Amino acid sequence: MDFFKKRIRKYQEIKLYEITSKIQFHQYTKKQLEQKIEEIIHDEKTMTIKEISYHSKMINIWKKNEEKLKKQMSEMED
């Protein structure tokens, strides 16, 4: 039984790392787009604003996934 718990734990740790990486990526991209929006003309702003909105949504989704996975991991330890 310990073997399976270790395997599951290892898998969860890998997934947690992937989630964290995705959050960082979307946060970085969002920040870059916000900086870019200050330098561009109106037509490009609307498109950039949509991209920022997308990355904000993705950040929220991945943060929720991260919370769920962390909860599962803590339940496995109990």
PDB file of N, CA and C in Angstrom:
ATOM      1  N   MET A   1       0.822  -1.195   0.000  1.00  0.00           N
ATOM      2  CA  MET A   1       0.000   0.000   0.000  1.00  0.00           C
ATOM      3  C   MET A   1       0.865   1.258   0.000  1.00  0.00           C
ATOM      4  N   ASP A   2       1.945   1.207   0.719  1.00  0.00           N
ATOM      5  CA  ASP A   2       2.862   2.344   0.762  1.00  0.00           C
ATOM      6  C   ASP A   2       3.409   2.668  -0.628  1.00  0.00           C
ATOM      7  N   PHE A   3       3.649   1.624  -1.396  1.00  0.00           N
ATOM      8  CA  PHE A   3       4.171   1.802  -2.748  1.00  0.00           C
ATOM      9  C   PHE A   3       3.231   2.681  -3.580  1.00  0.00           C
ATOM     10  N   PHE A   4       1.941   2.381  -3.509  1.00  0.00           N
ATOM     11  CA  PHE A   4       0.968   3.140  -4.290  1.00  0.00           C
ATOM     12  C   PHE A   4       0.848   4.577  -3.800  1.00  0.00           C
ATOM     13  N   LYS A   5       0.905   4.754  -2.500  1.00  0.00           N
ATOM     14  CA  LYS A   5       0.843   6.113  -1.956  1.00  0.00           C
ATOM     15  C   LYS A   5       2.030   6.935  -2.427  1.00  0.00           C
ATOM     16  N   LYS A   6       3.195   6.314  -2.460  1.00  0.00           N
ATOM     17  CA  LYS A   6       4.394   7.017  -2.923  1.00  0.00           C
ATOM     18  C   LYS A   6       4.277   7.377  -4.399  1.00  0.00           C
ATOM     19  N   ARG A   7       3.759   6.451  -5.173  1.00  0.00           N
ATOM     20  CA  ARG A   7       3.592   6.710  -6.614  1.00  0.00           C
ATOM     21  C   ARG A   7       2.587   7.836  -6.857  1.00  0.00           C
ATOM     22  N   ILE A   8       1.497   7.785  -6.124  1.00  0.00           N
ATOM     23  CA  ILE A   8       0.477   8.825  -6.256  1.00  0.00           C
ATOM     24  C   ILE A   8       1.050  10.165  -5.826  1.00  0.00           C
ATOM     25  N   ARG A   9       1.777  10.157  -4.726  1.00  0.00           N
ATOM     26  CA  ARG A   9       2.384  11.391  -4.216  1.00  0.00           C
ATOM     27  C   ARG A   9       3.359  11.979  -5.243  1.00  0.00           C
ATOM     28  N   LYS A  10       4.163  11.118  -5.841  1.00  0.00           N
ATOM     29  CA  LYS A  10       5.122  11.585  -6.843  1.00  0.00           C
ATOM     30  C   LYS A  10       4.389  12.192  -8.046  1.00  0.00           C
ATOM     31  N   TYR A  11       3.340  11.526  -8.481  1.00  0.00           N
ATOM     32  CA  TYR A  11       2.540  12.039  -9.592  1.00  0.00           C
ATOM     33  C   TYR A  11       1.939  13.402  -9.234  1.00  0.00           C
ATOM     34  N   GLN A  12       1.407  13.513  -8.026  1.00  0.00           N
ATOM     35  CA  GLN A  12       0.805  14.770  -7.589  1.00  0.00           C
ATOM     36  C   GLN A  12       1.840  15.888  -7.535  1.00  0.00           C
ATOM     37  N   GLU A  13       3.029  15.580  -7.095  1.00  0.00           N
ATOM     38  CA  GLU A  13       4.091  16.586  -7.035  1.00  0.00           C
ATOM     39  C   GLU A  13       4.463  17.075  -8.433  1.00  0.00           C
ATOM     40  N   ILE A  14       4.508  16.152  -9.374  1.00  0.00           N
ATOM     41  CA  ILE A  14       4.803  16.521 -10.765  1.00  0.00           C
ATOM     42  C   ILE A  14       3.701  17.428 -11.308  1.00  0.00           C
ATOM     43  N   LYS A  15       2.447  17.063 -11.061  1.00  0.00           N
ATOM     44  CA  LYS A  15       1.329  17.871 -11.532  1.00  0.00           C
ATOM     45  C   LYS A  15       1.325  19.243 -10.867  1.00  0.00           C
ATOM     46  N   LEU A  16       1.665  19.285  -9.594  1.00  0.00           N
ATOM     47  CA  LEU A  16       1.724  20.561  -8.886  1.00  0.00           C
ATOM     48  C   LEU A  16       2.787  21.461  -9.506  1.00  0.00           C
ATOM     49  N   TYR A  17       3.917  20.890  -9.852  1.00  0.00           N
ATOM     50  CA  TYR A  17       4.976  21.655 -10.514  1.00  0.00           C
ATOM     51  C   TYR A  17       4.485  22.198 -11.860  1.00  0.00           C
ATOM     52  N   GLU A  18       3.787  21.367 -12.625  1.00  0.00           N
ATOM     53  CA  GLU A  18       3.261  21.803 -13.920  1.00  0.00           C
ATOM     54  C   GLU A  18       2.262  22.945 -13.747  1.00  0.00           C
ATOM     55  N   ILE A  19       1.402  22.816 -12.764  1.00  0.00           N
ATOM     56  CA  ILE A  19       0.409  23.860 -12.500  1.00  0.00           C
ATOM     57  C   ILE A  19       1.097  25.164 -12.132  1.00  0.00           C
ATOM     58  N   THR A  20       2.073  25.077 -11.253  1.00  0.00           N
ATOM     59  CA  THR A  20       2.813  26.262 -10.830  1.00  0.00           C
ATOM     60  C   THR A  20       3.504  26.923 -12.019  1.00  0.00           C
ATOM     61  N   SER A  21       4.066  26.122 -12.891  1.00  0.00           N
ATOM     62  CA  SER A  21       4.722  26.658 -14.089  1.00  0.00           C
ATOM     63  C   SER A  21       3.727  27.388 -14.986  1.00  0.00           C
ATOM     64  N   LYS A  22       2.552  26.823 -15.137  1.00  0.00           N
ATOM     65  CA  LYS A  22       1.538  27.454 -15.982  1.00  0.00           C
ATOM     66  C   LYS A  22       1.061  28.767 -15.373  1.00  0.00           C
ATOM     67  N   ILE A  23       0.903  28.788 -14.063  1.00  0.00           N
ATOM     68  CA  ILE A  23       0.511  30.034 -13.394  1.00  0.00           C
ATOM     69  C   ILE A  23       1.565  31.102 -13.641  1.00  0.00           C
ATOM     70  N   GLN A  24       2.817  30.739 -13.469  1.00  0.00           N
ATOM     71  CA  GLN A  24       3.902  31.696 -13.678  1.00  0.00           C
ATOM     72  C   GLN A  24       3.928  32.200 -15.118  1.00  0.00           C
ATOM     73  N   PHE A  25       3.736  31.293 -16.066  1.00  0.00           N
ATOM     74  CA  PHE A  25       3.725  31.681 -17.475  1.00  0.00           C
ATOM     75  C   PHE A  25       2.628  32.703 -17.753  1.00  0.00           C
ATOM     76  N   HIS A  26       1.418  32.405 -17.296  1.00  0.00           N
ATOM     77  CA  HIS A  26       0.299  33.302 -17.575  1.00  0.00           C
ATOM     78  C   HIS A  26       0.450  34.631 -16.839  1.00  0.00           C
ATOM     79  N   GLN A  27       1.001  34.609 -15.648  1.00  0.00           N
ATOM     80  CA  GLN A  27       1.241  35.862 -14.933  1.00  0.00           C
ATOM     81  C   GLN A  27       2.272  36.712 -15.669  1.00  0.00           C
ATOM     82  N   TYR A  28       3.328  36.079 -16.129  1.00  0.00           N
ATOM     83  CA  TYR A  28       4.369  36.797 -16.867  1.00  0.00           C
ATOM     84  C   TYR A  28       3.806  37.386 -18.160  1.00  0.00           C
ATOM     85  N   THR A  29       3.073  36.574 -18.905  1.00  0.00           N
ATOM     86  CA  THR A  29       2.508  37.032 -20.174  1.00  0.00           C
ATOM     87  C   THR A  29       1.528  38.178 -19.946  1.00  0.00           C
ATOM     88  N   LYS A  30       0.704  38.040 -18.929  1.00  0.00           N
ATOM     89  CA  LYS A  30      -0.249  39.102 -18.606  1.00  0.00           C
ATOM     90  C   LYS A  30       0.481  40.404 -18.286  1.00  0.00           C
ATOM     91  N   LYS A  31       1.526  40.314 -17.512  1.00  0.00           N
ATOM     92  CA  LYS A  31       2.295  41.506 -17.145  1.00  0.00           C
ATOM     93  C   LYS A  31       2.920  42.150 -18.385  1.00  0.00           C
ATOM     94  N   GLN A  32       3.473  41.328 -19.266  1.00  0.00           N
ATOM     95  CA  GLN A  32       4.073  41.844 -20.497  1.00  0.00           C
ATOM     96  C   GLN A  32       3.024  42.562 -21.345  1.00  0.00           C
ATOM     97  N   LEU A  33       1.848  41.980 -21.439  1.00  0.00           N
ATOM     98  CA  LEU A  33       0.782  42.589 -22.234  1.00  0.00           C
ATOM     99  C   LEU A  33       0.306  43.900 -21.610  1.00  0.00           C
ATOM    100  N   GLU A  34       0.245  43.937 -20.302  1.00  0.00           N
ATOM    101  CA  GLU A  34      -0.153  45.176 -19.631  1.00  0.00           C
ATOM    102  C   GLU A  34       0.860  46.287 -19.891  1.00  0.00           C
ATOM    103  N   GLN A  35       2.123  45.940 -19.926  1.00  0.00           N
ATOM    104  CA  GLN A  35       3.145  46.931 -20.241  1.00  0.00           C
ATOM    105  C   GLN A  35       3.041  47.371 -21.700  1.00  0.00           C
ATOM    106  N   LYS A  36       2.755  46.426 -22.556  1.00  0.00           N
ATOM    107  CA  LYS A  36       2.643  46.712 -23.991  1.00  0.00           C
ATOM    108  C   LYS A  36       1.456  47.630 -24.282  1.00  0.00           C
ATOM    109  N   ILE A  37       0.394  47.460 -23.538  1.00  0.00           N
ATOM    110  CA  ILE A  37      -0.828  48.228 -23.797  1.00  0.00           C
ATOM    111  C   ILE A  37      -0.604  49.729 -23.617  1.00  0.00           C
ATOM    112  N   GLU A  38       0.331  50.091 -22.804  1.00  0.00           N
ATOM    113  CA  GLU A  38       0.621  51.503 -22.583  1.00  0.00           C
ATOM    114  C   GLU A  38       1.311  52.143 -23.787  1.00  0.00           C
ATOM    115  N   GLU A  39       1.890  51.328 -24.643  1.00  0.00           N
ATOM    116  CA  GLU A  39       2.697  51.836 -25.749  1.00  0.00           C
ATOM    117  C   GLU A  39       2.008  51.770 -27.114  1.00  0.00           C
ATOM    118  N   ILE A  40       0.822  51.207 -27.186  1.00  0.00           N
ATOM    119  CA  ILE A  40       0.226  50.959 -28.500  1.00  0.00           C
ATOM    120  C   ILE A  40      -0.984  51.847 -28.767  1.00  0.00           C
ATOM    121  N   ILE A  41      -1.425  51.810 -30.018  1.00  0.00           N
ATOM    122  CA  ILE A  41      -2.573  52.613 -30.435  1.00  0.00           C
ATOM    123  C   ILE A  41      -3.881  51.914 -30.063  1.00  0.00           C
ATOM    124  N   HIS A  42      -4.984  52.622 -30.223  1.00  0.00           N
ATOM    125  CA  HIS A  42      -6.296  52.159 -29.771  1.00  0.00           C
ATOM    126  C   HIS A  42      -6.719  50.805 -30.361  1.00  0.00           C
ATOM    127  N   ASP A  43      -6.573  50.601 -31.667  1.00  0.00           N
ATOM    128  CA  ASP A  43      -7.018  49.359 -32.310  1.00  0.00           C
ATOM    129  C   ASP A  43      -6.316  48.137 -31.728  1.00  0.00           C
ATOM    130  N   GLU A  44      -5.067  48.286 -31.469  1.00  0.00           N
ATOM    131  CA  GLU A  44      -4.310  47.171 -30.913  1.00  0.00           C
ATOM    132  C   GLU A  44      -4.639  46.967 -29.434  1.00  0.00           C
ATOM    133  N   LYS A  45      -5.090  48.017 -28.790  1.00  0.00           N
ATOM    134  CA  LYS A  45      -5.407  47.921 -27.360  1.00  0.00           C
ATOM    135  C   LYS A  45      -6.528  46.926 -27.096  1.00  0.00           C
ATOM    136  N   THR A  46      -7.565  46.956 -27.923  1.00  0.00           N
ATOM    137  CA  THR A  46      -8.693  46.054 -27.685  1.00  0.00           C
ATOM    138  C   THR A  46      -8.260  44.600 -27.786  1.00  0.00           C
ATOM    139  N   MET A  47      -7.432  44.306 -28.748  1.00  0.00           N
ATOM    140  CA  MET A  47      -6.940  42.937 -28.893  1.00  0.00           C
ATOM    141  C   MET A  47      -6.060  42.549 -27.704  1.00  0.00           C
ATOM    142  N   THR A  48      -5.216  43.456 -27.293  1.00  0.00           N
ATOM    143  CA  THR A  48      -4.333  43.194 -26.160  1.00  0.00           C
ATOM    144  C   THR A  48      -5.141  43.038 -24.880  1.00  0.00           C
ATOM    145  N   ILE A  49      -6.180  43.824 -24.724  1.00  0.00           N
ATOM    146  CA  ILE A  49      -7.042  43.708 -23.544  1.00  0.00           C
ATOM    147  C   ILE A  49      -7.707  42.334 -23.505  1.00  0.00           C
ATOM    148  N   LYS A  50      -8.120  41.838 -24.661  1.00  0.00           N
ATOM    149  CA  LYS A  50      -8.703  40.496 -24.726  1.00  0.00           C
ATOM    150  C   LYS A  50      -7.681  39.435 -24.325  1.00  0.00           C
ATOM    151  N   GLU A  51      -6.451  39.604 -24.764  1.00  0.00           N
ATOM    152  CA  GLU A  51      -5.397  38.662 -24.396  1.00  0.00           C
ATOM    153  C   GLU A  51      -5.146  38.698 -22.892  1.00  0.00           C
ATOM    154  N   ILE A  52      -5.138  39.884 -22.328  1.00  0.00           N
ATOM    155  CA  ILE A  52      -4.941  40.020 -20.882  1.00  0.00           C
ATOM    156  C   ILE A  52      -6.074  39.314 -20.137  1.00  0.00           C
ATOM    157  N   SER A  53      -7.277  39.495 -20.616  1.00  0.00           N
ATOM    158  CA  SER A  53      -8.434  38.848 -20.002  1.00  0.00           C
ATOM    159  C   SER A  53      -8.290  37.327 -20.044  1.00  0.00           C
ATOM    160  N   TYR A  54      -7.853  36.814 -21.180  1.00  0.00           N
ATOM    161  CA  TYR A  54      -7.635  35.374 -21.319  1.00  0.00           C
ATOM    162  C   TYR A  54      -6.624  34.872 -20.289  1.00  0.00           C
ATOM    163  N   HIS A  55      -5.506  35.570 -20.172  1.00  0.00           N
ATOM    164  CA  HIS A  55      -4.469  35.126 -19.244  1.00  0.00           C
ATOM    165  C   HIS A  55      -4.939  35.248 -17.792  1.00  0.00           C
ATOM    166  N   SER A  56      -5.747  36.227 -17.499  1.00  0.00           N
ATOM    167  CA  SER A  56      -6.316  36.352 -16.153  1.00  0.00           C
ATOM    168  C   SER A  56      -7.206  35.150 -15.839  1.00  0.00           C
ATOM    169  N   LYS A  57      -8.017  34.769 -16.806  1.00  0.00           N
ATOM    170  CA  LYS A  57      -8.877  33.594 -16.621  1.00  0.00           C
ATOM    171  C   LYS A  57      -8.041  32.334 -16.422  1.00  0.00           C
ATOM    172  N   MET A  58      -7.001  32.194 -17.218  1.00  0.00           N
ATOM    173  CA  MET A  58      -6.146  31.011 -17.101  1.00  0.00           C
ATOM    174  C   MET A  58      -5.441  30.970 -15.742  1.00  0.00           C
ATOM    175  N   ILE A  59      -5.016  32.116 -15.257  1.00  0.00           N
ATOM    176  CA  ILE A  59      -4.380  32.177 -13.938  1.00  0.00           C
ATOM    177  C   ILE A  59      -5.364  31.679 -12.882  1.00  0.00           C
ATOM    178  N   ASN A  60      -6.597  32.149 -12.948  1.00  0.00           N
ATOM    179  CA  ASN A  60      -7.609  31.722 -11.980  1.00  0.00           C
ATOM    180  C   ASN A  60      -7.885  30.226 -12.071  1.00  0.00           C
ATOM    181  N   ILE A  61      -7.996  29.718 -13.276  1.00  0.00           N
ATOM    182  CA  ILE A  61      -8.250  28.286 -13.469  1.00  0.00           C
ATOM    183  C   ILE A  61      -7.121  27.459 -12.876  1.00  0.00           C
ATOM    184  N   TRP A  62      -5.884  27.822 -13.187  1.00  0.00           N
ATOM    185  CA  TRP A  62      -4.751  27.035 -12.703  1.00  0.00           C
ATOM    186  C   TRP A  62      -4.556  27.172 -11.199  1.00  0.00           C
ATOM    187  N   LYS A  63      -4.897  28.318 -10.646  1.00  0.00           N
ATOM    188  CA  LYS A  63      -4.816  28.469  -9.191  1.00  0.00           C
ATOM    189  C   LYS A  63      -5.840  27.574  -8.498  1.00  0.00           C
ATOM    190  N   LYS A  64      -7.032  27.475  -9.075  1.00  0.00           N
ATOM    191  CA  LYS A  64      -8.045  26.571  -8.518  1.00  0.00           C
ATOM    192  C   LYS A  64      -7.573  25.124  -8.604  1.00  0.00           C
ATOM    193  N   ASN A  65      -6.987  24.766  -9.736  1.00  0.00           N
ATOM    194  CA  ASN A  65      -6.447  23.409  -9.881  1.00  0.00           C
ATOM    195  C   ASN A  65      -5.351  23.147  -8.859  1.00  0.00           C
ATOM    196  N   GLU A  66      -4.519  24.140  -8.636  1.00  0.00           N
ATOM    197  CA  GLU A  66      -3.445  24.011  -7.654  1.00  0.00           C
ATOM    198  C   GLU A  66      -4.026  23.779  -6.257  1.00  0.00           C
ATOM    199  N   GLU A  67      -5.049  24.540  -5.897  1.00  0.00           N
ATOM    200  CA  GLU A  67      -5.678  24.383  -4.590  1.00  0.00           C
ATOM    201  C   GLU A  67      -6.280  22.990  -4.434  1.00  0.00           C
ATOM    202  N   LYS A  68      -6.968  22.515  -5.468  1.00  0.00           N
ATOM    203  CA  LYS A  68      -7.572  21.187  -5.418  1.00  0.00           C
ATOM    204  C   LYS A  68      -6.513  20.107  -5.237  1.00  0.00           C
ATOM    205  N   LEU A  69      -5.431  20.234  -5.985  1.00  0.00           N
ATOM    206  CA  LEU A  69      -4.375  19.235  -5.897  1.00  0.00           C
ATOM    207  C   LEU A  69      -3.711  19.266  -4.528  1.00  0.00           C
ATOM    208  N   LYS A  70      -3.465  20.444  -4.012  1.00  0.00           N
ATOM    209  CA  LYS A  70      -2.870  20.549  -2.677  1.00  0.00           C
ATOM    210  C   LYS A  70      -3.792  19.941  -1.626  1.00  0.00           C
ATOM    211  N   LYS A  71      -5.092  20.146  -1.795  1.00  0.00           N
ATOM    212  CA  LYS A  71      -6.062  19.559  -0.867  1.00  0.00           C
ATOM    213  C   LYS A  71      -6.010  18.036  -0.946  1.00  0.00           C
ATOM    214  N   GLN A  72      -5.965  17.498  -2.157  1.00  0.00           N
ATOM    215  CA  GLN A  72      -5.865  16.049  -2.333  1.00  0.00           C
ATOM    216  C   GLN A  72      -4.595  15.512  -1.695  1.00  0.00           C
ATOM    217  N   MET A  73      -3.512  16.242  -1.888  1.00  0.00           N
ATOM    218  CA  MET A  73      -2.235  15.794  -1.337  1.00  0.00           C
ATOM    219  C   MET A  73      -2.275  15.791   0.189  1.00  0.00           C
ATOM    220  N   SER A  74      -2.892  16.788   0.778  1.00  0.00           N
ATOM    221  CA  SER A  74      -2.969  16.830   2.241  1.00  0.00           C
ATOM    222  C   SER A  74      -3.887  15.731   2.763  1.00  0.00           C
ATOM    223  N   GLU A  75      -4.947  15.413   2.017  1.00  0.00           N
ATOM    224  CA  GLU A  75      -5.843  14.328   2.417  1.00  0.00           C
ATOM    225  C   GLU A  75      -5.144  12.975   2.333  1.00  0.00           C
ATOM    226  N   MET A  76      -4.259  12.829   1.381  1.00  0.00           N
ATOM    227  CA  MET A  76      -3.517  11.569   1.241  1.00  0.00           C
ATOM    228  C   MET A  76      -2.586  11.345   2.427  1.00  0.00           C
ATOM    229  N   GLU A  77      -2.079  12.427   2.992  1.00  0.00           N
ATOM    230  CA  GLU A  77      -1.154  12.313   4.114  1.00  0.00           C
ATOM    231  C   GLU A  77      -1.875  11.917   5.391  1.00  0.00           C
ATOM    232  N   ASP A  78      -3.149  12.246   5.486  1.00  0.00           N
ATOM    233  CA  ASP A  78      -3.912  11.946   6.705  1.00  0.00           C
ATOM    234  C   ASP A  78      -4.180  10.491   6.876  1.00  0.00           C
TER     235      ASP A  78
END
